[in-house]
Amino acid sequence: MAAPTTAPTMKTGSDPMTDSLKDLTGKAFEVKFMQEMIVHHQAAVDMAKLVPTHTKRPELNTLATNIITAQTKEIGQMTTWLDQWYKEKPVTDAMSVPGMMDMMGGMDQLKAAKDADFDKQFTTMMIQHHQQGVNMANLIPSKTQRPELTQLGQNIIKTQSAEIQEMKNWQQAWFKA
């Protein structure tokens, strides 16, 4: 049970989404966290959907499948909770979420990349993206009393921290200077 609770890449709060959540608690935090995490997860799913046609690496295809499966399930959970708990809906304008404009600019470059160039861009972007998700999830214990959200946050931290480490290992193996 020695799983890390945080990944050391970025300090908590060093990205726009996490910063937008820091001053909130209770219902305000829960609604905004879920709305922003749904947008964040959808961006990861969209990135992962590029993998099969942009790389030949089976490891990345497996990772992409895992990301799509896990994060689509979590999007469904959070969408249901928003409705059941607060009669709220997910954000319809992803660009209104802090940091998404920059993320979408990176997506255009990623779509144009292939093979080793794609592999490097994808792993770099997904490491940063996952770290932002971990940063956001690290806020949960001090912001909510909802056990469902606490469990979701623990799952995000565990899964995405492991995937960050896996991608860093691949980068070291694949892109030696």
N, C-alpha and C. Protein backbone atom coordinates (compact mmCIF):
# COMPACT_ATOMS: atom_id res chain seq x y z
N MET A 1 0.82 -1.19 0.00
CA MET A 1 0.00 0.00 0.00
C MET A 1 0.86 1.26 0.00
N ALA A 2 2.00 1.18 -0.61
CA ALA A 2 2.92 2.32 -0.66
C ALA A 2 2.75 3.12 -1.94
N ALA A 3 1.52 3.21 -2.44
CA ALA A 3 1.26 3.96 -3.68
C ALA A 3 1.44 5.45 -3.41
N PRO A 4 2.06 6.15 -4.35
CA PRO A 4 2.26 7.59 -4.14
C PRO A 4 0.92 8.33 -4.19
N THR A 5 0.81 9.36 -3.38
CA THR A 5 -0.42 10.15 -3.40
C THR A 5 -0.28 11.35 -4.32
N THR A 6 0.95 11.73 -4.61
CA THR A 6 1.16 12.82 -5.56
C THR A 6 2.32 12.45 -6.46
N ALA A 7 2.30 13.00 -7.65
CA ALA A 7 3.44 12.83 -8.55
C ALA A 7 4.26 14.10 -8.48
N PRO A 8 5.56 14.00 -8.49
CA PRO A 8 6.42 15.14 -8.19
C PRO A 8 6.66 16.12 -9.34
N THR A 9 6.05 15.92 -10.50
CA THR A 9 6.41 16.72 -11.67
C THR A 9 6.12 18.20 -11.52
N MET A 10 4.91 18.56 -11.10
CA MET A 10 4.51 19.96 -10.98
C MET A 10 4.00 20.19 -9.57
N LYS A 11 4.21 21.39 -9.08
CA LYS A 11 3.63 21.71 -7.79
C LYS A 11 2.11 21.82 -7.93
N THR A 12 1.40 21.42 -6.89
CA THR A 12 -0.04 21.58 -6.90
C THR A 12 -0.36 23.06 -7.05
N GLY A 13 -1.29 23.33 -7.95
CA GLY A 13 -1.72 24.71 -8.12
C GLY A 13 -0.95 25.47 -9.16
N SER A 14 -0.13 24.79 -9.96
CA SER A 14 0.67 25.50 -10.95
C SER A 14 0.04 25.46 -12.34
N ASP A 15 -1.27 25.23 -12.39
CA ASP A 15 -1.95 25.24 -13.68
C ASP A 15 -3.29 25.96 -13.51
N PRO A 16 -3.84 26.49 -14.62
CA PRO A 16 -5.05 27.33 -14.52
C PRO A 16 -6.27 26.62 -13.93
N MET A 17 -6.49 25.35 -14.27
CA MET A 17 -7.67 24.66 -13.72
C MET A 17 -7.57 24.49 -12.21
N THR A 18 -6.42 24.04 -11.75
CA THR A 18 -6.24 23.87 -10.30
C THR A 18 -6.38 25.21 -9.60
N ASP A 19 -5.76 26.25 -10.17
CA ASP A 19 -5.86 27.58 -9.56
C ASP A 19 -7.31 28.04 -9.45
N SER A 20 -8.15 27.69 -10.44
CA SER A 20 -9.54 28.14 -10.43
C SER A 20 -10.36 27.46 -9.33
N LEU A 21 -9.84 26.36 -8.78
CA LEU A 21 -10.55 25.59 -7.76
C LEU A 21 -10.08 25.87 -6.33
N LYS A 22 -8.90 26.45 -6.19
CA LYS A 22 -8.25 26.53 -4.89
C LYS A 22 -9.05 27.26 -3.81
N ASP A 23 -9.79 28.28 -4.19
CA ASP A 23 -10.50 29.08 -3.19
C ASP A 23 -11.92 28.60 -2.92
N LEU A 24 -12.32 27.49 -3.52
CA LEU A 24 -13.68 26.98 -3.37
C LEU A 24 -13.74 25.81 -2.39
N THR A 25 -14.92 25.63 -1.76
CA THR A 25 -15.16 24.45 -0.92
C THR A 25 -16.61 24.03 -1.09
N GLY A 26 -16.92 22.84 -0.57
CA GLY A 26 -18.29 22.36 -0.55
C GLY A 26 -18.90 22.28 -1.94
N LYS A 27 -20.18 22.67 -2.03
CA LYS A 27 -20.92 22.57 -3.29
C LYS A 27 -20.23 23.32 -4.43
N ALA A 28 -19.76 24.55 -4.16
CA ALA A 28 -19.12 25.35 -5.22
C ALA A 28 -17.90 24.60 -5.78
N PHE A 29 -17.09 24.02 -4.90
CA PHE A 29 -15.93 23.24 -5.35
C PHE A 29 -16.38 22.01 -6.12
N GLU A 30 -17.32 21.28 -5.55
CA GLU A 30 -17.75 20.01 -6.16
C GLU A 30 -18.27 20.21 -7.57
N VAL A 31 -19.14 21.21 -7.76
CA VAL A 31 -19.71 21.46 -9.08
C VAL A 31 -18.62 21.87 -10.05
N LYS A 32 -17.80 22.84 -9.67
CA LYS A 32 -16.77 23.33 -10.59
C LYS A 32 -15.72 22.25 -10.85
N PHE A 33 -15.33 21.51 -9.82
CA PHE A 33 -14.36 20.42 -10.02
C PHE A 33 -14.88 19.42 -11.05
N MET A 34 -16.11 18.96 -10.87
CA MET A 34 -16.64 17.96 -11.80
C MET A 34 -16.78 18.54 -13.21
N GLN A 35 -17.30 19.76 -13.31
CA GLN A 35 -17.45 20.37 -14.64
C GLN A 35 -16.09 20.51 -15.34
N GLU A 36 -15.09 20.97 -14.61
CA GLU A 36 -13.77 21.15 -15.21
C GLU A 36 -13.08 19.81 -15.47
N MET A 37 -13.24 18.85 -14.57
CA MET A 37 -12.61 17.55 -14.77
C MET A 37 -13.24 16.81 -15.95
N ILE A 38 -14.53 17.00 -16.16
CA ILE A 38 -15.17 16.38 -17.34
C ILE A 38 -14.52 16.94 -18.61
N VAL A 39 -14.35 18.24 -18.70
CA VAL A 39 -13.71 18.86 -19.86
C VAL A 39 -12.26 18.36 -19.98
N HIS A 40 -11.57 18.30 -18.85
CA HIS A 40 -10.18 17.84 -18.82
C HIS A 40 -10.08 16.40 -19.30
N HIS A 41 -10.94 15.53 -18.78
CA HIS A 41 -10.95 14.13 -19.20
C HIS A 41 -11.28 14.00 -20.68
N GLN A 42 -12.25 14.79 -21.16
CA GLN A 42 -12.62 14.69 -22.57
C GLN A 42 -11.45 15.07 -23.47
N ALA A 43 -10.65 16.04 -23.04
CA ALA A 43 -9.46 16.41 -23.82
C ALA A 43 -8.47 15.25 -23.87
N ALA A 44 -8.30 14.53 -22.75
CA ALA A 44 -7.40 13.37 -22.74
C ALA A 44 -7.93 12.27 -23.64
N VAL A 45 -9.24 12.04 -23.62
CA VAL A 45 -9.87 11.04 -24.49
C VAL A 45 -9.63 11.43 -25.95
N ASP A 46 -9.83 12.70 -26.28
CA ASP A 46 -9.62 13.16 -27.65
C ASP A 46 -8.18 12.96 -28.09
N MET A 47 -7.22 13.25 -27.19
CA MET A 47 -5.81 13.02 -27.51
C MET A 47 -5.56 11.52 -27.73
N ALA A 48 -6.10 10.71 -26.85
CA ALA A 48 -5.88 9.26 -26.92
C ALA A 48 -6.47 8.66 -28.20
N LYS A 49 -7.54 9.23 -28.69
CA LYS A 49 -8.17 8.72 -29.92
C LYS A 49 -7.28 8.92 -31.15
N LEU A 50 -6.30 9.80 -31.07
CA LEU A 50 -5.37 10.01 -32.18
C LEU A 50 -4.34 8.89 -32.28
N VAL A 51 -4.09 8.20 -31.18
CA VAL A 51 -2.97 7.26 -31.11
C VAL A 51 -2.99 6.18 -32.20
N PRO A 52 -4.09 5.46 -32.42
CA PRO A 52 -4.04 4.34 -33.37
C PRO A 52 -3.60 4.74 -34.79
N THR A 53 -3.90 5.96 -35.21
CA THR A 53 -3.56 6.37 -36.58
C THR A 53 -2.28 7.20 -36.66
N HIS A 54 -1.62 7.44 -35.52
CA HIS A 54 -0.44 8.31 -35.53
C HIS A 54 0.84 7.64 -35.04
N THR A 55 0.76 6.42 -34.51
CA THR A 55 1.95 5.75 -33.99
C THR A 55 1.92 4.27 -34.34
N LYS A 56 3.09 3.67 -34.28
CA LYS A 56 3.19 2.22 -34.46
C LYS A 56 3.50 1.52 -33.14
N ARG A 57 3.59 2.26 -32.07
CA ARG A 57 3.99 1.69 -30.77
C ARG A 57 2.79 1.03 -30.08
N PRO A 58 2.86 -0.28 -29.87
CA PRO A 58 1.75 -0.97 -29.20
C PRO A 58 1.55 -0.49 -27.76
N GLU A 59 2.63 -0.06 -27.11
CA GLU A 59 2.51 0.43 -25.73
C GLU A 59 1.60 1.66 -25.67
N LEU A 60 1.75 2.55 -26.65
CA LEU A 60 0.91 3.75 -26.67
C LEU A 60 -0.53 3.41 -27.00
N ASN A 61 -0.73 2.41 -27.86
CA ASN A 61 -2.10 1.99 -28.17
C ASN A 61 -2.78 1.42 -26.93
N THR A 62 -2.05 0.64 -26.15
CA THR A 62 -2.61 0.08 -24.91
C THR A 62 -2.93 1.20 -23.92
N LEU A 63 -1.99 2.14 -23.75
CA LEU A 63 -2.21 3.27 -22.86
C LEU A 63 -3.44 4.07 -23.31
N ALA A 64 -3.53 4.34 -24.61
CA ALA A 64 -4.66 5.13 -25.13
C ALA A 64 -5.99 4.43 -24.85
N THR A 65 -6.03 3.13 -25.06
CA THR A 65 -7.25 2.37 -24.77
C THR A 65 -7.61 2.48 -23.30
N ASN A 66 -6.62 2.37 -22.42
CA ASN A 66 -6.86 2.48 -20.98
C ASN A 66 -7.37 3.87 -20.59
N ILE A 67 -6.78 4.91 -21.19
CA ILE A 67 -7.20 6.28 -20.91
C ILE A 67 -8.65 6.48 -21.36
N ILE A 68 -8.95 6.04 -22.57
CA ILE A 68 -10.31 6.21 -23.11
C ILE A 68 -11.32 5.49 -22.22
N THR A 69 -11.02 4.26 -21.84
CA THR A 69 -11.95 3.46 -21.02
C THR A 69 -12.16 4.09 -19.65
N ALA A 70 -11.07 4.39 -18.94
CA ALA A 70 -11.17 4.90 -17.56
C ALA A 70 -11.81 6.28 -17.52
N GLN A 71 -11.36 7.16 -18.41
CA GLN A 71 -11.82 8.54 -18.32
C GLN A 71 -13.24 8.71 -18.87
N THR A 72 -13.63 7.89 -19.83
CA THR A 72 -15.02 7.92 -20.30
C THR A 72 -15.95 7.47 -19.18
N LYS A 73 -15.55 6.44 -18.44
CA LYS A 73 -16.34 5.97 -17.30
C LYS A 73 -16.46 7.08 -16.23
N GLU A 74 -15.35 7.74 -15.94
CA GLU A 74 -15.36 8.80 -14.93
C GLU A 74 -16.19 10.01 -15.39
N ILE A 75 -16.16 10.32 -16.68
CA ILE A 75 -17.01 11.39 -17.22
C ILE A 75 -18.48 11.05 -16.96
N GLY A 76 -18.85 9.81 -17.20
CA GLY A 76 -20.22 9.35 -16.95
C GLY A 76 -20.60 9.48 -15.48
N GLN A 77 -19.69 9.06 -14.59
CA GLN A 77 -19.95 9.17 -13.15
C GLN A 77 -20.17 10.62 -12.75
N MET A 78 -19.26 11.50 -13.17
CA MET A 78 -19.36 12.91 -12.76
C MET A 78 -20.58 13.59 -13.36
N THR A 79 -20.94 13.24 -14.60
CA THR A 79 -22.15 13.80 -15.22
C THR A 79 -23.38 13.40 -14.42
N THR A 80 -23.44 12.14 -14.01
CA THR A 80 -24.55 11.65 -13.19
C THR A 80 -24.60 12.36 -11.85
N TRP A 81 -23.45 12.49 -11.18
CA TRP A 81 -23.41 13.16 -9.88
C TRP A 81 -23.83 14.62 -9.99
N LEU A 82 -23.35 15.33 -11.01
CA LEU A 82 -23.77 16.73 -11.19
C LEU A 82 -25.29 16.84 -11.24
N ASP A 83 -25.92 15.92 -11.99
CA ASP A 83 -27.37 15.95 -12.13
C ASP A 83 -28.06 15.52 -10.83
N GLN A 84 -27.64 14.40 -10.27
CA GLN A 84 -28.30 13.87 -9.07
C GLN A 84 -28.12 14.78 -7.86
N TRP A 85 -26.94 15.29 -7.65
CA TRP A 85 -26.65 16.06 -6.45
C TRP A 85 -27.10 17.52 -6.58
N TYR A 86 -26.96 18.10 -7.76
CA TYR A 86 -27.14 19.55 -7.88
C TYR A 86 -28.01 19.99 -9.06
N LYS A 87 -28.53 19.05 -9.85
CA LYS A 87 -29.29 19.39 -11.05
C LYS A 87 -28.47 20.31 -11.96
N GLU A 88 -27.17 20.06 -12.01
CA GLU A 88 -26.25 20.82 -12.87
C GLU A 88 -25.85 19.95 -14.05
N LYS A 89 -25.35 20.60 -15.09
CA LYS A 89 -24.92 19.91 -16.31
C LYS A 89 -23.43 20.16 -16.53
N PRO A 90 -22.80 19.31 -17.34
CA PRO A 90 -21.41 19.59 -17.71
C PRO A 90 -21.32 20.90 -18.50
N VAL A 91 -20.13 21.48 -18.53
CA VAL A 91 -19.88 22.69 -19.30
C VAL A 91 -20.02 22.37 -20.78
N THR A 92 -20.72 23.22 -21.52
CA THR A 92 -20.88 22.96 -22.95
C THR A 92 -19.81 23.67 -23.78
N ASP A 93 -19.21 24.72 -23.25
CA ASP A 93 -18.16 25.45 -23.95
C ASP A 93 -16.82 25.15 -23.29
N ALA A 94 -16.11 24.15 -23.84
CA ALA A 94 -14.84 23.74 -23.24
C ALA A 94 -13.84 24.89 -23.17
N MET A 95 -13.92 25.82 -24.12
CA MET A 95 -12.97 26.94 -24.14
C MET A 95 -13.17 27.91 -22.98
N SER A 96 -14.31 27.80 -22.29
CA SER A 96 -14.54 28.67 -21.13
C SER A 96 -13.81 28.15 -19.89
N VAL A 97 -13.28 26.94 -19.96
CA VAL A 97 -12.57 26.35 -18.83
C VAL A 97 -11.12 26.82 -18.85
N PRO A 98 -10.60 27.30 -17.70
CA PRO A 98 -9.23 27.82 -17.65
C PRO A 98 -8.21 26.82 -18.19
N GLY A 99 -7.35 27.29 -19.09
CA GLY A 99 -6.27 26.47 -19.62
C GLY A 99 -6.61 25.69 -20.88
N MET A 100 -7.89 25.62 -21.25
CA MET A 100 -8.26 24.78 -22.39
C MET A 100 -7.83 25.37 -23.74
N MET A 101 -7.74 26.69 -23.85
CA MET A 101 -7.31 27.30 -25.11
C MET A 101 -5.89 26.83 -25.45
N ASP A 102 -5.00 26.85 -24.47
CA ASP A 102 -3.62 26.41 -24.69
C ASP A 102 -3.59 24.93 -25.07
N MET A 103 -4.40 24.13 -24.37
CA MET A 103 -4.43 22.70 -24.62
C MET A 103 -4.87 22.41 -26.05
N MET A 104 -5.86 23.14 -26.52
CA MET A 104 -6.37 22.91 -27.88
C MET A 104 -5.34 23.31 -28.94
N GLY A 105 -4.54 24.33 -28.67
CA GLY A 105 -3.47 24.69 -29.59
C GLY A 105 -2.48 23.55 -29.74
N GLY A 106 -2.17 22.89 -28.65
CA GLY A 106 -1.28 21.74 -28.69
C GLY A 106 -1.88 20.58 -29.46
N MET A 107 -3.20 20.45 -29.40
CA MET A 107 -3.88 19.36 -30.13
C MET A 107 -3.69 19.48 -31.63
N ASP A 108 -3.70 20.71 -32.15
CA ASP A 108 -3.50 20.91 -33.59
C ASP A 108 -2.13 20.41 -34.02
N GLN A 109 -1.10 20.70 -33.23
CA GLN A 109 0.25 20.21 -33.53
C GLN A 109 0.30 18.69 -33.44
N LEU A 110 -0.35 18.14 -32.44
CA LEU A 110 -0.35 16.68 -32.25
C LEU A 110 -1.01 15.97 -33.42
N LYS A 111 -2.10 16.52 -33.92
CA LYS A 111 -2.82 15.92 -35.05
C LYS A 111 -1.94 15.84 -36.30
N ALA A 112 -1.02 16.78 -36.44
CA ALA A 112 -0.16 16.83 -37.62
C ALA A 112 1.07 15.93 -37.50
N ALA A 113 1.35 15.42 -36.30
CA ALA A 113 2.57 14.62 -36.06
C ALA A 113 2.33 13.15 -36.35
N LYS A 114 3.41 12.44 -36.68
CA LYS A 114 3.35 11.00 -36.93
C LYS A 114 4.57 10.32 -36.31
N ASP A 115 4.38 9.04 -35.99
CA ASP A 115 5.45 8.16 -35.53
C ASP A 115 6.27 8.76 -34.39
N ALA A 116 7.61 8.83 -34.51
CA ALA A 116 8.44 9.26 -33.37
C ALA A 116 8.10 10.68 -32.93
N ASP A 117 7.82 11.56 -33.88
CA ASP A 117 7.44 12.93 -33.55
C ASP A 117 6.14 12.94 -32.73
N PHE A 118 5.18 12.16 -33.18
CA PHE A 118 3.91 12.03 -32.45
C PHE A 118 4.16 11.44 -31.07
N ASP A 119 4.94 10.36 -31.01
CA ASP A 119 5.19 9.68 -29.73
C ASP A 119 5.75 10.65 -28.69
N LYS A 120 6.71 11.47 -29.14
CA LYS A 120 7.34 12.42 -28.22
C LYS A 120 6.33 13.50 -27.80
N GLN A 121 5.62 14.07 -28.77
CA GLN A 121 4.64 15.11 -28.44
C GLN A 121 3.51 14.56 -27.56
N PHE A 122 3.01 13.37 -27.92
CA PHE A 122 1.90 12.78 -27.16
C PHE A 122 2.31 12.53 -25.71
N THR A 123 3.46 11.88 -25.51
CA THR A 123 3.86 11.57 -24.13
C THR A 123 4.12 12.85 -23.34
N THR A 124 4.75 13.83 -23.97
CA THR A 124 5.01 15.10 -23.27
C THR A 124 3.71 15.78 -22.88
N MET A 125 2.78 15.86 -23.83
CA MET A 125 1.50 16.51 -23.55
C MET A 125 0.67 15.74 -22.53
N MET A 126 0.66 14.41 -22.65
CA MET A 126 -0.16 13.62 -21.73
C MET A 126 0.42 13.61 -20.33
N ILE A 127 1.74 13.64 -20.19
CA ILE A 127 2.35 13.75 -18.86
C ILE A 127 1.87 15.06 -18.21
N GLN A 128 1.97 16.16 -18.95
CA GLN A 128 1.54 17.45 -18.39
C GLN A 128 0.04 17.42 -18.08
N HIS A 129 -0.74 16.86 -19.00
CA HIS A 129 -2.19 16.80 -18.83
C HIS A 129 -2.55 15.97 -17.59
N HIS A 130 -1.95 14.80 -17.48
CA HIS A 130 -2.20 13.95 -16.31
C HIS A 130 -1.77 14.66 -15.02
N GLN A 131 -0.64 15.37 -15.06
CA GLN A 131 -0.18 16.05 -13.85
C GLN A 131 -1.20 17.09 -13.42
N GLN A 132 -1.81 17.78 -14.38
CA GLN A 132 -2.86 18.74 -14.03
C GLN A 132 -4.04 18.03 -13.38
N GLY A 133 -4.41 16.86 -13.90
CA GLY A 133 -5.49 16.07 -13.30
C GLY A 133 -5.15 15.66 -11.87
N VAL A 134 -3.91 15.25 -11.65
CA VAL A 134 -3.45 14.87 -10.31
C VAL A 134 -3.50 16.10 -9.40
N ASN A 135 -3.03 17.23 -9.90
CA ASN A 135 -3.06 18.47 -9.10
C ASN A 135 -4.49 18.78 -8.65
N MET A 136 -5.43 18.69 -9.58
CA MET A 136 -6.83 18.96 -9.26
C MET A 136 -7.35 17.96 -8.23
N ALA A 137 -7.06 16.69 -8.44
CA ALA A 137 -7.54 15.63 -7.53
C ALA A 137 -6.94 15.78 -6.14
N ASN A 138 -5.73 16.28 -6.05
CA ASN A 138 -5.09 16.48 -4.74
C ASN A 138 -5.82 17.50 -3.88
N LEU A 139 -6.64 18.34 -4.49
CA LEU A 139 -7.41 19.33 -3.73
C LEU A 139 -8.61 18.71 -3.01
N ILE A 140 -9.10 17.59 -3.50
CA ILE A 140 -10.38 17.04 -3.05
C ILE A 140 -10.47 16.83 -1.53
N PRO A 141 -9.50 16.18 -0.88
CA PRO A 141 -9.69 15.88 0.55
C PRO A 141 -9.98 17.09 1.43
N SER A 142 -9.43 18.25 1.09
CA SER A 142 -9.66 19.43 1.93
C SER A 142 -10.85 20.27 1.47
N LYS A 143 -11.54 19.83 0.40
CA LYS A 143 -12.59 20.67 -0.18
C LYS A 143 -13.99 20.06 -0.12
N THR A 144 -14.09 18.76 0.14
CA THR A 144 -15.40 18.11 0.09
C THR A 144 -15.51 17.03 1.16
N GLN A 145 -16.75 16.72 1.52
CA GLN A 145 -17.03 15.62 2.43
C GLN A 145 -17.61 14.42 1.68
N ARG A 146 -17.74 14.52 0.37
CA ARG A 146 -18.38 13.46 -0.42
C ARG A 146 -17.41 12.30 -0.63
N PRO A 147 -17.76 11.12 -0.08
CA PRO A 147 -16.86 9.97 -0.23
C PRO A 147 -16.70 9.54 -1.69
N GLU A 148 -17.73 9.75 -2.50
CA GLU A 148 -17.64 9.37 -3.91
C GLU A 148 -16.57 10.19 -4.62
N LEU A 149 -16.53 11.48 -4.35
CA LEU A 149 -15.52 12.34 -4.96
C LEU A 149 -14.14 12.03 -4.42
N THR A 150 -14.06 11.75 -3.12
CA THR A 150 -12.78 11.40 -2.53
C THR A 150 -12.22 10.13 -3.19
N GLN A 151 -13.08 9.14 -3.39
CA GLN A 151 -12.65 7.90 -4.04
C GLN A 151 -12.24 8.17 -5.48
N LEU A 152 -13.02 8.97 -6.19
CA LEU A 152 -12.67 9.32 -7.57
C LEU A 152 -11.29 9.98 -7.60
N GLY A 153 -11.08 10.92 -6.71
CA GLY A 153 -9.78 11.61 -6.65
C GLY A 153 -8.64 10.65 -6.39
N GLN A 154 -8.83 9.71 -5.47
CA GLN A 154 -7.79 8.72 -5.20
C GLN A 154 -7.51 7.88 -6.44
N ASN A 155 -8.56 7.51 -7.16
CA ASN A 155 -8.39 6.72 -8.39
C ASN A 155 -7.62 7.51 -9.44
N ILE A 156 -7.97 8.79 -9.60
CA ILE A 156 -7.28 9.64 -10.58
C ILE A 156 -5.79 9.74 -10.22
N ILE A 157 -5.51 10.02 -8.95
CA ILE A 157 -4.12 10.17 -8.52
C ILE A 157 -3.34 8.87 -8.75
N LYS A 158 -3.91 7.76 -8.36
CA LYS A 158 -3.20 6.47 -8.49
C LYS A 158 -2.96 6.12 -9.96
N THR A 159 -4.02 6.17 -10.76
CA THR A 159 -3.92 5.76 -12.16
C THR A 159 -3.03 6.70 -12.96
N GLN A 160 -3.28 8.00 -12.83
CA GLN A 160 -2.54 8.94 -13.66
C GLN A 160 -1.09 9.10 -13.21
N SER A 161 -0.81 8.96 -11.92
CA SER A 161 0.58 8.99 -11.46
C SER A 161 1.36 7.81 -12.03
N ALA A 162 0.73 6.63 -12.05
CA ALA A 162 1.38 5.45 -12.63
C ALA A 162 1.61 5.63 -14.13
N GLU A 163 0.62 6.20 -14.82
CA GLU A 163 0.77 6.43 -16.26
C GLU A 163 1.83 7.49 -16.55
N ILE A 164 1.93 8.51 -15.71
CA ILE A 164 2.99 9.52 -15.86
C ILE A 164 4.35 8.83 -15.78
N GLN A 165 4.54 8.00 -14.77
CA GLN A 165 5.83 7.33 -14.61
C GLN A 165 6.13 6.42 -15.79
N GLU A 166 5.11 5.70 -16.26
CA GLU A 166 5.28 4.82 -17.41
C GLU A 166 5.72 5.62 -18.65
N MET A 167 5.07 6.76 -18.90
CA MET A 167 5.42 7.58 -20.06
C MET A 167 6.81 8.19 -19.92
N LYS A 168 7.20 8.59 -18.71
CA LYS A 168 8.56 9.12 -18.49
C LYS A 168 9.59 8.03 -18.79
N ASN A 169 9.29 6.81 -18.36
CA ASN A 169 10.21 5.69 -18.65
C ASN A 169 10.33 5.47 -20.15
N TRP A 170 9.21 5.53 -20.86
CA TRP A 170 9.24 5.38 -22.31
C TRP A 170 10.07 6.50 -22.95
N GLN A 171 9.86 7.71 -22.50
CA GLN A 171 10.63 8.83 -23.06
C GLN A 171 12.13 8.60 -22.91
N GLN A 172 12.54 8.12 -21.74
CA GLN A 172 13.96 7.86 -21.51
C GLN A 172 14.47 6.77 -22.44
N ALA A 173 13.65 5.74 -22.66
CA ALA A 173 14.06 4.62 -23.51
C ALA A 173 14.01 4.98 -25.00
N TRP A 174 13.03 5.76 -25.41
CA TRP A 174 12.78 6.02 -26.82
C TRP A 174 13.53 7.24 -27.36
N PHE A 175 13.77 8.22 -26.52
CA PHE A 175 14.27 9.51 -27.02
C PHE A 175 15.59 9.90 -26.37
N LYS A 176 16.53 8.98 -26.35
CA LYS A 176 17.84 9.27 -25.77
C LYS A 176 18.52 10.36 -26.59
N ALA A 177 19.14 11.26 -25.88
CA ALA A 177 19.80 12.40 -26.56
C ALA A 177 21.05 11.95 -27.29
